[in-house]
Amino acid sequence: MNINKIICTGRLTKDPELRKVSDELTVCQLRLAVDGMGRGREVGYINVSVFGKAGEACAEYLSKGWLVAVDGRLEYGEWESDGTKRHDYAVVGNVEFLTAPRPVEEQAPAAAAEATPSRKKRDAVAA
């Protein structure tokens, strides 16, 4: 028995791209950065395709920086570019929205808050 299933989490490296495949069918293309997946446990990149209503929801609500979970099947593709044969793998499946990216203006105060202790020192109480 063969199983072709992939599940991973990562952040979107760019905004989703929605395009029509036919009159009734749309596909949303995502690019995902996954920690520890590349050579030497570096960041690896995965192309993800989401079809239909789920793809339309991805295009409407997701943007660069979102943390998402992806599950689906791995597909192999090849093409020729400038006389050179090229290939890649892509995941075709479902996306679950996890965490939105923080706006730039919120990141600076959050970093300052982490530098200061969250608890205040208590004054000594006489017994």
N, C-alpha and C. Protein backbone atom coordinates (compact mmCIF):
# COMPACT_ATOMS: atom_id res chain seq x y z
N MET A 1 0.84 -1.18 0.00
CA MET A 1 0.00 0.00 0.00
C MET A 1 0.89 1.24 0.00
N ASN A 2 0.56 2.20 -0.84
CA ASN A 2 1.29 3.46 -0.93
C ASN A 2 0.42 4.58 -0.38
N ILE A 3 1.04 5.47 0.36
CA ILE A 3 0.33 6.62 0.92
C ILE A 3 1.05 7.88 0.47
N ASN A 4 0.32 8.81 -0.08
CA ASN A 4 0.87 10.10 -0.49
C ASN A 4 0.16 11.17 0.31
N LYS A 5 0.72 11.53 1.46
CA LYS A 5 0.09 12.49 2.37
C LYS A 5 1.19 13.36 2.98
N ILE A 6 0.96 14.66 3.00
CA ILE A 6 1.91 15.58 3.64
C ILE A 6 1.11 16.53 4.53
N ILE A 7 1.66 16.78 5.72
CA ILE A 7 1.08 17.73 6.67
C ILE A 7 2.22 18.59 7.18
N CYS A 8 2.09 19.90 7.08
CA CYS A 8 3.15 20.78 7.58
C CYS A 8 2.56 22.14 7.94
N THR A 9 3.33 22.91 8.69
CA THR A 9 2.96 24.29 9.00
C THR A 9 4.09 25.19 8.56
N GLY A 10 3.74 26.41 8.19
CA GLY A 10 4.74 27.38 7.79
C GLY A 10 4.08 28.72 7.52
N ARG A 11 4.90 29.69 7.17
CA ARG A 11 4.41 31.05 6.89
C ARG A 11 4.40 31.31 5.40
N LEU A 12 3.39 32.07 4.96
CA LEU A 12 3.30 32.44 3.55
C LEU A 12 4.39 33.44 3.21
N THR A 13 5.09 33.20 2.10
CA THR A 13 6.19 34.07 1.70
C THR A 13 5.73 35.22 0.80
N LYS A 14 4.50 35.11 0.29
CA LYS A 14 3.93 36.17 -0.54
C LYS A 14 2.41 36.07 -0.48
N ASP A 15 1.73 37.06 -1.01
CA ASP A 15 0.26 37.04 -1.04
C ASP A 15 -0.22 35.93 -1.97
N PRO A 16 -1.34 35.30 -1.64
CA PRO A 16 -1.90 34.25 -2.50
C PRO A 16 -2.30 34.80 -3.87
N GLU A 17 -2.22 33.93 -4.88
CA GLU A 17 -2.60 34.30 -6.24
C GLU A 17 -3.76 33.41 -6.68
N LEU A 18 -4.89 34.02 -7.00
CA LEU A 18 -6.09 33.28 -7.42
C LEU A 18 -6.22 33.39 -8.93
N ARG A 19 -6.48 32.25 -9.59
CA ARG A 19 -6.71 32.28 -11.03
C ARG A 19 -7.79 31.28 -11.40
N LYS A 20 -8.42 31.50 -12.54
CA LYS A 20 -9.48 30.61 -13.02
C LYS A 20 -8.87 29.51 -13.87
N VAL A 21 -9.26 28.27 -13.59
CA VAL A 21 -8.85 27.13 -14.40
C VAL A 21 -9.88 26.90 -15.50
N SER A 22 -11.13 27.05 -15.16
CA SER A 22 -12.23 26.96 -16.12
C SER A 22 -13.33 27.91 -15.67
N ASP A 23 -14.48 27.86 -16.33
CA ASP A 23 -15.59 28.75 -15.95
C ASP A 23 -16.06 28.49 -14.52
N GLU A 24 -15.99 27.23 -14.09
CA GLU A 24 -16.51 26.88 -12.77
C GLU A 24 -15.42 26.70 -11.71
N LEU A 25 -14.17 26.54 -12.11
CA LEU A 25 -13.13 26.14 -11.16
C LEU A 25 -12.03 27.19 -11.03
N THR A 26 -11.67 27.51 -9.79
CA THR A 26 -10.55 28.42 -9.52
C THR A 26 -9.49 27.67 -8.71
N VAL A 27 -8.27 28.18 -8.76
CA VAL A 27 -7.18 27.61 -7.97
C VAL A 27 -6.40 28.76 -7.34
N CYS A 28 -6.03 28.58 -6.08
CA CYS A 28 -5.23 29.58 -5.37
C CYS A 28 -3.84 29.01 -5.17
N GLN A 29 -2.82 29.76 -5.58
CA GLN A 29 -1.42 29.34 -5.45
C GLN A 29 -0.81 30.04 -4.24
N LEU A 30 -0.20 29.26 -3.35
CA LEU A 30 0.47 29.78 -2.16
C LEU A 30 1.92 29.32 -2.17
N ARG A 31 2.79 30.07 -1.51
CA ARG A 31 4.19 29.68 -1.32
C ARG A 31 4.45 29.71 0.17
N LEU A 32 4.91 28.59 0.71
CA LEU A 32 5.04 28.39 2.15
C LEU A 32 6.50 28.17 2.53
N ALA A 33 6.97 28.86 3.57
CA ALA A 33 8.31 28.65 4.13
C ALA A 33 8.16 27.75 5.36
N VAL A 34 8.88 26.62 5.36
CA VAL A 34 8.78 25.64 6.43
C VAL A 34 10.15 25.48 7.07
N ASP A 35 10.24 25.72 8.38
CA ASP A 35 11.51 25.58 9.10
C ASP A 35 11.97 24.13 9.12
N GLY A 36 13.29 23.92 8.96
CA GLY A 36 13.89 22.60 9.11
C GLY A 36 13.64 21.65 7.97
N MET A 37 13.13 22.12 6.84
CA MET A 37 12.80 21.24 5.74
C MET A 37 13.87 21.24 4.65
N GLY A 38 14.65 22.29 4.57
CA GLY A 38 15.64 22.41 3.50
C GLY A 38 16.93 21.69 3.82
N ARG A 39 17.90 21.85 2.95
CA ARG A 39 19.21 21.24 3.16
C ARG A 39 19.82 21.74 4.46
N GLY A 40 20.42 20.84 5.20
CA GLY A 40 21.05 21.23 6.46
C GLY A 40 20.05 21.76 7.48
N ARG A 41 18.80 21.30 7.38
CA ARG A 41 17.72 21.70 8.32
C ARG A 41 17.40 23.20 8.22
N GLU A 42 17.70 23.80 7.08
CA GLU A 42 17.37 25.21 6.85
C GLU A 42 15.91 25.33 6.42
N VAL A 43 15.49 26.54 6.16
CA VAL A 43 14.12 26.78 5.71
C VAL A 43 13.94 26.20 4.30
N GLY A 44 12.84 25.49 4.10
CA GLY A 44 12.49 24.97 2.79
C GLY A 44 11.22 25.64 2.31
N TYR A 45 10.98 25.59 1.02
CA TYR A 45 9.83 26.27 0.43
C TYR A 45 8.95 25.28 -0.31
N ILE A 46 7.64 25.42 -0.13
CA ILE A 46 6.67 24.52 -0.73
C ILE A 46 5.63 25.35 -1.48
N ASN A 47 5.31 24.91 -2.70
CA ASN A 47 4.19 25.49 -3.45
C ASN A 47 2.94 24.71 -3.07
N VAL A 48 1.85 25.43 -2.86
CA VAL A 48 0.59 24.81 -2.45
C VAL A 48 -0.52 25.28 -3.38
N SER A 49 -1.36 24.34 -3.83
CA SER A 49 -2.52 24.66 -4.66
C SER A 49 -3.78 24.27 -3.91
N VAL A 50 -4.71 25.21 -3.84
CA VAL A 50 -5.99 24.97 -3.18
C VAL A 50 -7.08 25.32 -4.18
N PHE A 51 -8.00 24.36 -4.44
CA PHE A 51 -9.01 24.53 -5.47
C PHE A 51 -10.37 24.91 -4.89
N GLY A 52 -11.20 25.52 -5.74
CA GLY A 52 -12.60 25.79 -5.41
C GLY A 52 -12.81 26.87 -4.36
N LYS A 53 -13.88 26.68 -3.57
CA LYS A 53 -14.26 27.66 -2.55
C LYS A 53 -13.17 27.84 -1.50
N ALA A 54 -12.48 26.77 -1.15
CA ALA A 54 -11.40 26.88 -0.16
C ALA A 54 -10.28 27.77 -0.69
N GLY A 55 -9.97 27.66 -1.97
CA GLY A 55 -8.96 28.51 -2.59
C GLY A 55 -9.40 29.97 -2.63
N GLU A 56 -10.68 30.19 -2.91
CA GLU A 56 -11.20 31.56 -2.91
C GLU A 56 -11.12 32.18 -1.52
N ALA A 57 -11.37 31.39 -0.48
CA ALA A 57 -11.26 31.89 0.90
C ALA A 57 -9.81 32.23 1.23
N CYS A 58 -8.88 31.40 0.77
CA CYS A 58 -7.45 31.69 0.99
C CYS A 58 -7.06 33.01 0.35
N ALA A 59 -7.50 33.22 -0.89
CA ALA A 59 -7.16 34.45 -1.60
C ALA A 59 -7.77 35.67 -0.93
N GLU A 60 -8.95 35.51 -0.35
CA GLU A 60 -9.65 36.64 0.26
C GLU A 60 -9.06 37.03 1.61
N TYR A 61 -8.71 36.04 2.44
CA TYR A 61 -8.34 36.32 3.83
C TYR A 61 -6.85 36.24 4.14
N LEU A 62 -6.09 35.46 3.39
CA LEU A 62 -4.67 35.29 3.72
C LEU A 62 -3.81 36.34 3.04
N SER A 63 -2.65 36.57 3.61
CA SER A 63 -1.65 37.46 3.01
C SER A 63 -0.28 37.01 3.50
N LYS A 64 0.74 37.64 2.95
CA LYS A 64 2.12 37.31 3.31
C LYS A 64 2.30 37.36 4.83
N GLY A 65 2.98 36.35 5.38
CA GLY A 65 3.28 36.32 6.80
C GLY A 65 2.35 35.45 7.62
N TRP A 66 1.19 35.08 7.09
CA TRP A 66 0.26 34.22 7.83
C TRP A 66 0.90 32.88 8.12
N LEU A 67 0.66 32.36 9.32
CA LEU A 67 1.04 31.00 9.67
C LEU A 67 -0.14 30.11 9.31
N VAL A 68 0.10 29.08 8.50
CA VAL A 68 -0.96 28.18 8.07
C VAL A 68 -0.51 26.73 8.21
N ALA A 69 -1.48 25.85 8.31
CA ALA A 69 -1.24 24.41 8.27
C ALA A 69 -1.76 23.90 6.94
N VAL A 70 -1.01 23.02 6.32
CA VAL A 70 -1.36 22.48 5.02
C VAL A 70 -1.41 20.96 5.12
N ASP A 71 -2.45 20.35 4.56
CA ASP A 71 -2.45 18.90 4.42
C ASP A 71 -2.98 18.55 3.05
N GLY A 72 -2.35 17.57 2.42
CA GLY A 72 -2.76 17.18 1.09
C GLY A 72 -1.83 16.15 0.50
N ARG A 73 -1.87 16.04 -0.81
CA ARG A 73 -1.02 15.08 -1.51
C ARG A 73 0.11 15.82 -2.22
N LEU A 74 1.23 15.15 -2.37
CA LEU A 74 2.40 15.70 -3.05
C LEU A 74 2.32 15.36 -4.53
N GLU A 75 2.48 16.37 -5.40
CA GLU A 75 2.46 16.15 -6.84
C GLU A 75 3.76 16.62 -7.46
N TYR A 76 4.21 15.90 -8.46
CA TYR A 76 5.44 16.19 -9.18
C TYR A 76 5.09 16.88 -10.49
N GLY A 77 5.84 17.92 -10.84
CA GLY A 77 5.62 18.61 -12.11
C GLY A 77 6.94 18.88 -12.81
N GLU A 78 6.94 18.81 -14.14
CA GLU A 78 8.14 19.16 -14.90
C GLU A 78 7.78 20.06 -16.08
N TRP A 79 8.74 20.87 -16.48
CA TRP A 79 8.56 21.78 -17.60
C TRP A 79 9.93 22.12 -18.15
N GLU A 80 9.95 22.81 -19.28
CA GLU A 80 11.20 23.21 -19.89
C GLU A 80 11.25 24.73 -19.95
N SER A 81 12.37 25.29 -19.51
CA SER A 81 12.55 26.74 -19.51
C SER A 81 13.92 27.06 -20.11
N ASP A 82 13.93 27.81 -21.19
CA ASP A 82 15.17 28.17 -21.89
C ASP A 82 16.01 26.95 -22.25
N GLY A 83 15.35 25.88 -22.68
CA GLY A 83 16.05 24.68 -23.09
C GLY A 83 16.50 23.78 -21.94
N THR A 84 16.21 24.19 -20.70
CA THR A 84 16.61 23.40 -19.54
C THR A 84 15.38 22.74 -18.93
N LYS A 85 15.49 21.42 -18.69
CA LYS A 85 14.38 20.74 -18.03
C LYS A 85 14.37 21.11 -16.56
N ARG A 86 13.20 21.45 -16.06
CA ARG A 86 13.03 21.84 -14.66
C ARG A 86 11.97 20.95 -14.04
N HIS A 87 11.96 20.86 -12.71
CA HIS A 87 10.93 20.10 -12.02
C HIS A 87 10.75 20.66 -10.62
N ASP A 88 9.62 20.33 -10.02
CA ASP A 88 9.37 20.69 -8.62
C ASP A 88 8.24 19.83 -8.08
N TYR A 89 8.02 19.97 -6.81
CA TYR A 89 6.93 19.29 -6.14
C TYR A 89 5.99 20.35 -5.58
N ALA A 90 4.72 20.02 -5.55
CA ALA A 90 3.72 20.93 -4.98
C ALA A 90 2.73 20.11 -4.17
N VAL A 91 2.14 20.75 -3.18
CA VAL A 91 1.10 20.11 -2.38
C VAL A 91 -0.25 20.59 -2.90
N VAL A 92 -1.15 19.64 -3.14
CA VAL A 92 -2.51 19.96 -3.53
C VAL A 92 -3.39 19.50 -2.38
N GLY A 93 -4.10 20.44 -1.76
CA GLY A 93 -4.91 20.04 -0.62
C GLY A 93 -5.62 21.17 0.06
N ASN A 94 -5.61 21.10 1.38
CA ASN A 94 -6.36 22.02 2.23
C ASN A 94 -5.42 22.89 3.05
N VAL A 95 -5.91 24.09 3.37
CA VAL A 95 -5.14 25.02 4.20
C VAL A 95 -6.00 25.41 5.40
N GLU A 96 -5.37 25.40 6.58
CA GLU A 96 -6.05 25.87 7.78
C GLU A 96 -5.35 27.13 8.25
N PHE A 97 -6.11 28.19 8.47
CA PHE A 97 -5.55 29.47 8.90
C PHE A 97 -5.20 29.35 10.38
N LEU A 98 -3.97 29.69 10.76
CA LEU A 98 -3.55 29.59 12.16
C LEU A 98 -3.38 30.96 12.81
N THR A 99 -2.38 31.72 12.39
CA THR A 99 -2.09 33.00 13.03
C THR A 99 -1.80 34.07 11.99
N ALA A 100 -2.44 35.22 12.15
CA ALA A 100 -2.19 36.34 11.25
C ALA A 100 -0.86 37.00 11.62
N PRO A 101 -0.20 37.59 10.64
CA PRO A 101 1.04 38.32 10.95
C PRO A 101 0.73 39.57 11.75
N ARG A 102 1.67 39.98 12.57
CA ARG A 102 1.49 41.23 13.32
C ARG A 102 1.77 42.41 12.42
N PRO A 103 0.96 43.46 12.48
CA PRO A 103 1.29 44.67 11.72
C PRO A 103 2.61 45.25 12.23
N VAL A 104 3.33 45.93 11.37
CA VAL A 104 4.66 46.47 11.70
C VAL A 104 4.59 47.38 12.92
N GLU A 105 3.55 48.21 13.01
CA GLU A 105 3.47 49.16 14.13
C GLU A 105 3.25 48.44 15.46
N GLU A 106 2.72 47.21 15.45
CA GLU A 106 2.51 46.48 16.70
C GLU A 106 3.75 45.71 17.13
N GLN A 107 4.68 45.45 16.22
CA GLN A 107 5.85 44.65 16.54
C GLN A 107 6.81 45.38 17.47
N ALA A 108 7.02 46.67 17.28
CA ALA A 108 7.95 47.42 18.11
C ALA A 108 7.50 47.49 19.56
N PRO A 109 6.25 47.86 19.89
CA PRO A 109 5.83 47.87 21.28
C PRO A 109 5.87 46.48 21.91
N ALA A 110 5.56 45.44 21.13
CA ALA A 110 5.59 44.08 21.67
C ALA A 110 7.01 43.69 22.07
N ALA A 111 7.99 44.09 21.28
CA ALA A 111 9.39 43.79 21.61
C ALA A 111 9.81 44.54 22.86
N ALA A 112 9.36 45.77 23.02
CA ALA A 112 9.69 46.55 24.21
C ALA A 112 9.04 45.94 25.44
N ALA A 113 7.84 45.44 25.29
CA ALA A 113 7.13 44.82 26.42
C ALA A 113 7.83 43.53 26.87
N GLU A 114 8.42 42.80 25.92
CA GLU A 114 9.13 41.57 26.27
C GLU A 114 10.41 41.89 27.04
N ALA A 115 11.00 43.05 26.80
CA ALA A 115 12.24 43.42 27.48
C ALA A 115 12.00 43.76 28.95
N THR A 116 10.80 44.22 29.27
CA THR A 116 10.50 44.56 30.65
C THR A 116 9.79 43.40 31.32
N PRO A 117 10.07 43.15 32.59
CA PRO A 117 9.41 42.02 33.26
C PRO A 117 7.90 42.24 33.33
N SER A 118 7.15 41.16 33.21
CA SER A 118 5.70 41.27 33.22
C SER A 118 5.16 41.42 34.64
N ARG A 119 5.91 41.00 35.64
CA ARG A 119 5.46 41.12 37.02
C ARG A 119 6.19 42.25 37.73
N LYS A 120 5.48 42.96 38.53
CA LYS A 120 6.10 44.02 39.32
C LYS A 120 6.58 43.41 40.63
N LYS A 121 7.67 44.00 41.14
CA LYS A 121 8.15 43.52 42.45
C LYS A 121 7.17 43.95 43.51
N ARG A 122 6.94 43.05 44.44
CA ARG A 122 6.03 43.37 45.53
C ARG A 122 6.82 43.96 46.69
N ASP A 123 6.20 44.89 47.36
CA ASP A 123 6.82 45.44 48.57
C ASP A 123 6.73 44.41 49.68
N ALA A 124 7.71 44.44 50.54
CA ALA A 124 7.71 43.50 51.67
C ALA A 124 6.56 43.83 52.60
N VAL A 125 5.95 42.80 53.13
CA VAL A 125 4.81 42.97 54.02
C VAL A 125 5.27 42.64 55.43
N ALA A 126 4.95 43.54 56.38
CA ALA A 126 5.34 43.28 57.77
C ALA A 126 4.44 42.19 58.33
N ALA A 127 5.05 41.26 59.06
CA ALA A 127 4.28 40.13 59.60
C ALA A 127 3.76 40.42 60.98
